[in-house]
Amino acid sequence: MNLNDLDYRVAFYVVEDSGPEAGMAEWNELYSCFAGLYEPTQKDVQLGNLELSKKSVTLNIRNARPQFIPSVRHVFEIENGIYKGLFFNVKNVAPAKTSGYIKVVGEEQ
């Protein structure tokens, strides 16, 4: 993987309930970066237990540890391309094949 493959802007959020009423959740941006994006492989679908009726994507991002470590509690938004404005729940996080990168599998909310 090289820098030319990181052509999608992605923002990661944590969603925290801020009150007793539904819809009162507060979205706090944790981290923003460029990512490589591709359709999930069969292995990604199985590991993330993804529903086939929803849109799913796999991201490759640089490992920003200790500044940011994605988890299944996070949500991410793709800020450009065909998935612009869509929010995805993180379903699986694993080391990528390329050293220094992390693979994040997400499913549309």
C-alpha atoms as a PDB file:
ATOM      1  CA  MET A   1       0.000   0.000   0.000  1.00  0.00           C
ATOM      2  CA  ASN A   2       1.257   3.485  -0.786  1.00  0.00           C
ATOM      3  CA  LEU A   3       0.043   7.023  -0.233  1.00  0.00           C
ATOM      4  CA  ASN A   4      -1.814   7.097  -3.575  1.00  0.00           C
ATOM      5  CA  ASP A   5      -4.153   4.379  -2.266  1.00  0.00           C
ATOM      6  CA  LEU A   6      -5.290   6.551   0.661  1.00  0.00           C
ATOM      7  CA  ASP A   7      -7.815   8.650  -1.241  1.00  0.00           C
ATOM      8  CA  TYR A   8     -10.890   8.660   1.020  1.00  0.00           C
ATOM      9  CA  ARG A   9     -11.301  11.044   3.946  1.00  0.00           C
ATOM     10  CA  VAL A  10     -12.766   9.304   7.001  1.00  0.00           C
ATOM     11  CA  ALA A  11     -13.857  10.637  10.397  1.00  0.00           C
ATOM     12  CA  PHE A  12     -14.307   8.364  13.415  1.00  0.00           C
ATOM     13  CA  TYR A  13     -16.867   9.205  16.123  1.00  0.00           C
ATOM     14  CA  VAL A  14     -17.928   7.900  19.490  1.00  0.00           C
ATOM     15  CA  VAL A  15     -21.663   8.145  20.172  1.00  0.00           C
ATOM     16  CA  GLU A  16     -22.530   8.864  23.796  1.00  0.00           C
ATOM     17  CA  ASP A  17     -26.027   8.971  25.248  1.00  0.00           C
ATOM     18  CA  SER A  18     -26.481  12.371  26.837  1.00  0.00           C
ATOM     19  CA  GLY A  19     -29.993  12.040  28.173  1.00  0.00           C
ATOM     20  CA  PRO A  20     -32.951   9.818  28.931  1.00  0.00           C
ATOM     21  CA  GLU A  21     -34.808  10.570  25.667  1.00  0.00           C
ATOM     22  CA  ALA A  22     -34.243   8.669  22.440  1.00  0.00           C
ATOM     23  CA  GLY A  23     -32.226  10.621  19.898  1.00  0.00           C
ATOM     24  CA  MET A  24     -30.324  12.637  22.487  1.00  0.00           C
ATOM     25  CA  ALA A  25     -27.032  10.968  21.639  1.00  0.00           C
ATOM     26  CA  GLU A  26     -23.988  13.184  21.297  1.00  0.00           C
ATOM     27  CA  TRP A  27     -21.492  12.518  18.500  1.00  0.00           C
ATOM     28  CA  ASN A  28     -17.884  13.375  19.346  1.00  0.00           C
ATOM     29  CA  GLU A  29     -15.261  13.226  16.609  1.00  0.00           C
ATOM     30  CA  LEU A  30     -12.267  11.222  17.797  1.00  0.00           C
ATOM     31  CA  TYR A  31     -10.018  11.045  14.767  1.00  0.00           C
ATOM     32  CA  SER A  32      -9.880  11.952  11.085  1.00  0.00           C
ATOM     33  CA  CYS A  33      -7.565  10.491   8.448  1.00  0.00           C
ATOM     34  CA  PHE A  34      -7.198   9.318   4.863  1.00  0.00           C
ATOM     35  CA  ALA A  35      -8.008   5.685   4.096  1.00  0.00           C
ATOM     36  CA  GLY A  36      -7.933   3.128   1.325  1.00  0.00           C
ATOM     37  CA  LEU A  37     -11.393   1.679   0.726  1.00  0.00           C
ATOM     38  CA  TYR A  38     -12.560  -1.580  -0.843  1.00  0.00           C
ATOM     39  CA  GLU A  39     -15.476  -4.004  -0.730  1.00  0.00           C
ATOM     40  CA  PRO A  40     -15.238  -6.511   2.143  1.00  0.00           C
ATOM     41  CA  THR A  41     -13.826  -9.932   1.351  1.00  0.00           C
ATOM     42  CA  GLN A  42     -15.713 -13.095   2.278  1.00  0.00           C
ATOM     43  CA  LYS A  43     -13.478 -13.410   5.350  1.00  0.00           C
ATOM     44  CA  ASP A  44     -14.347  -9.819   6.414  1.00  0.00           C
ATOM     45  CA  VAL A  45     -18.060 -10.622   6.055  1.00  0.00           C
ATOM     46  CA  GLN A  46     -17.730 -13.713   8.237  1.00  0.00           C
ATOM     47  CA  LEU A  47     -15.557 -12.092  10.931  1.00  0.00           C
ATOM     48  CA  GLY A  48     -17.737  -9.000  11.166  1.00  0.00           C
ATOM     49  CA  ASN A  49     -20.977 -10.993  11.043  1.00  0.00           C
ATOM     50  CA  LEU A  50     -22.208  -8.530   8.403  1.00  0.00           C
ATOM     51  CA  GLU A  51     -25.737  -8.454   7.025  1.00  0.00           C
ATOM     52  CA  LEU A  52     -25.756  -8.849   3.251  1.00  0.00           C
ATOM     53  CA  SER A  53     -28.712  -6.464   2.907  1.00  0.00           C
ATOM     54  CA  LYS A  54     -26.651  -3.478   4.156  1.00  0.00           C
ATOM     55  CA  LYS A  55     -23.725  -1.655   2.586  1.00  0.00           C
ATOM     56  CA  SER A  56     -20.364  -2.710   3.980  1.00  0.00           C
ATOM     57  CA  VAL A  57     -16.849  -1.405   3.425  1.00  0.00           C
ATOM     58  CA  THR A  58     -13.328  -2.249   4.492  1.00  0.00           C
ATOM     59  CA  LEU A  59     -10.837   0.539   5.218  1.00  0.00           C
ATOM     60  CA  ASN A  60      -7.073   0.453   5.441  1.00  0.00           C
ATOM     61  CA  ILE A  61      -5.775   3.252   7.656  1.00  0.00           C
ATOM     62  CA  ARG A  62      -2.375   4.017   9.066  1.00  0.00           C
ATOM     63  CA  ASN A  63      -1.800   2.687  12.547  1.00  0.00           C
ATOM     64  CA  ALA A  64      -2.063   5.826  14.706  1.00  0.00           C
ATOM     65  CA  ARG A  65      -1.389   4.049  17.958  1.00  0.00           C
ATOM     66  CA  PRO A  66      -1.387   5.339  20.718  1.00  0.00           C
ATOM     67  CA  GLN A  67      -3.177   8.492  19.461  1.00  0.00           C
ATOM     68  CA  PHE A  68      -6.150   6.523  18.131  1.00  0.00           C
ATOM     69  CA  ILE A  69      -7.146   2.862  18.176  1.00  0.00           C
ATOM     70  CA  PRO A  70     -10.459   2.050  16.431  1.00  0.00           C
ATOM     71  CA  SER A  71     -12.908  -0.182  18.284  1.00  0.00           C
ATOM     72  CA  VAL A  72     -16.349  -1.682  17.733  1.00  0.00           C
ATOM     73  CA  ARG A  73     -17.794   1.124  19.890  1.00  0.00           C
ATOM     74  CA  HIS A  74     -16.969   3.651  17.156  1.00  0.00           C
ATOM     75  CA  VAL A  75     -18.801   4.896  14.080  1.00  0.00           C
ATOM     76  CA  PHE A  76     -17.113   6.279  10.980  1.00  0.00           C
ATOM     77  CA  GLU A  77     -18.225   8.574   8.175  1.00  0.00           C
ATOM     78  CA  ILE A  78     -16.770   8.546   4.676  1.00  0.00           C
ATOM     79  CA  GLU A  79     -16.509  12.177   3.604  1.00  0.00           C
ATOM     80  CA  ASN A  80     -16.065  11.765  -0.168  1.00  0.00           C
ATOM     81  CA  GLY A  81     -16.674   9.353  -3.055  1.00  0.00           C
ATOM     82  CA  ILE A  82     -19.747   7.195  -3.608  1.00  0.00           C
ATOM     83  CA  TYR A  83     -20.194   6.593   0.119  1.00  0.00           C
ATOM     84  CA  LYS A  84     -20.104  10.311   0.987  1.00  0.00           C
ATOM     85  CA  GLY A  85     -22.237  11.152   4.004  1.00  0.00           C
ATOM     86  CA  LEU A  86     -22.883   7.540   5.013  1.00  0.00           C
ATOM     87  CA  PHE A  87     -22.177   6.377   8.551  1.00  0.00           C
ATOM     88  CA  PHE A  88     -20.845   2.904   9.303  1.00  0.00           C
ATOM     89  CA  ASN A  89     -20.634   0.965  12.564  1.00  0.00           C
ATOM     90  CA  VAL A  90     -17.194  -0.563  13.141  1.00  0.00           C
ATOM     91  CA  LYS A  91     -17.672  -4.335  13.081  1.00  0.00           C
ATOM     92  CA  ASN A  92     -14.088  -5.629  13.088  1.00  0.00           C
ATOM     93  CA  VAL A  93     -10.571  -4.223  13.549  1.00  0.00           C
ATOM     94  CA  ALA A  94      -7.453  -6.194  12.612  1.00  0.00           C
ATOM     95  CA  PRO A  95      -3.869  -5.651  11.469  1.00  0.00           C
ATOM     96  CA  ALA A  96      -3.680  -5.134   7.700  1.00  0.00           C
ATOM     97  CA  LYS A  97      -1.435  -7.159   5.422  1.00  0.00           C
ATOM     98  CA  THR A  98       0.802  -4.110   5.027  1.00  0.00           C
ATOM     99  CA  SER A  99       2.942  -3.329   8.051  1.00  0.00           C
ATOM    100  CA  GLY A 100       1.957  -0.123   9.836  1.00  0.00           C
ATOM    101  CA  TYR A 101      -1.688  -0.238   8.738  1.00  0.00           C
ATOM    102  CA  ILE A 102      -4.967  -1.351  10.318  1.00  0.00           C
ATOM    103  CA  LYS A 103      -7.964  -2.909   8.564  1.00  0.00           C
ATOM    104  CA  VAL A 104     -11.383  -1.645   9.721  1.00  0.00           C
ATOM    105  CA  VAL A 105     -14.579  -3.350   8.551  1.00  0.00           C
ATOM    106  CA  GLY A 106     -17.788  -1.317   8.787  1.00  0.00           C
ATOM    107  CA  GLU A 107     -21.486  -1.858   8.172  1.00  0.00           C
ATOM    108  CA  GLU A 108     -23.951   0.904   7.293  1.00  0.00           C
ATOM    109  CA  GLN A 109     -26.132   2.019  10.175  1.00  0.00           C
END
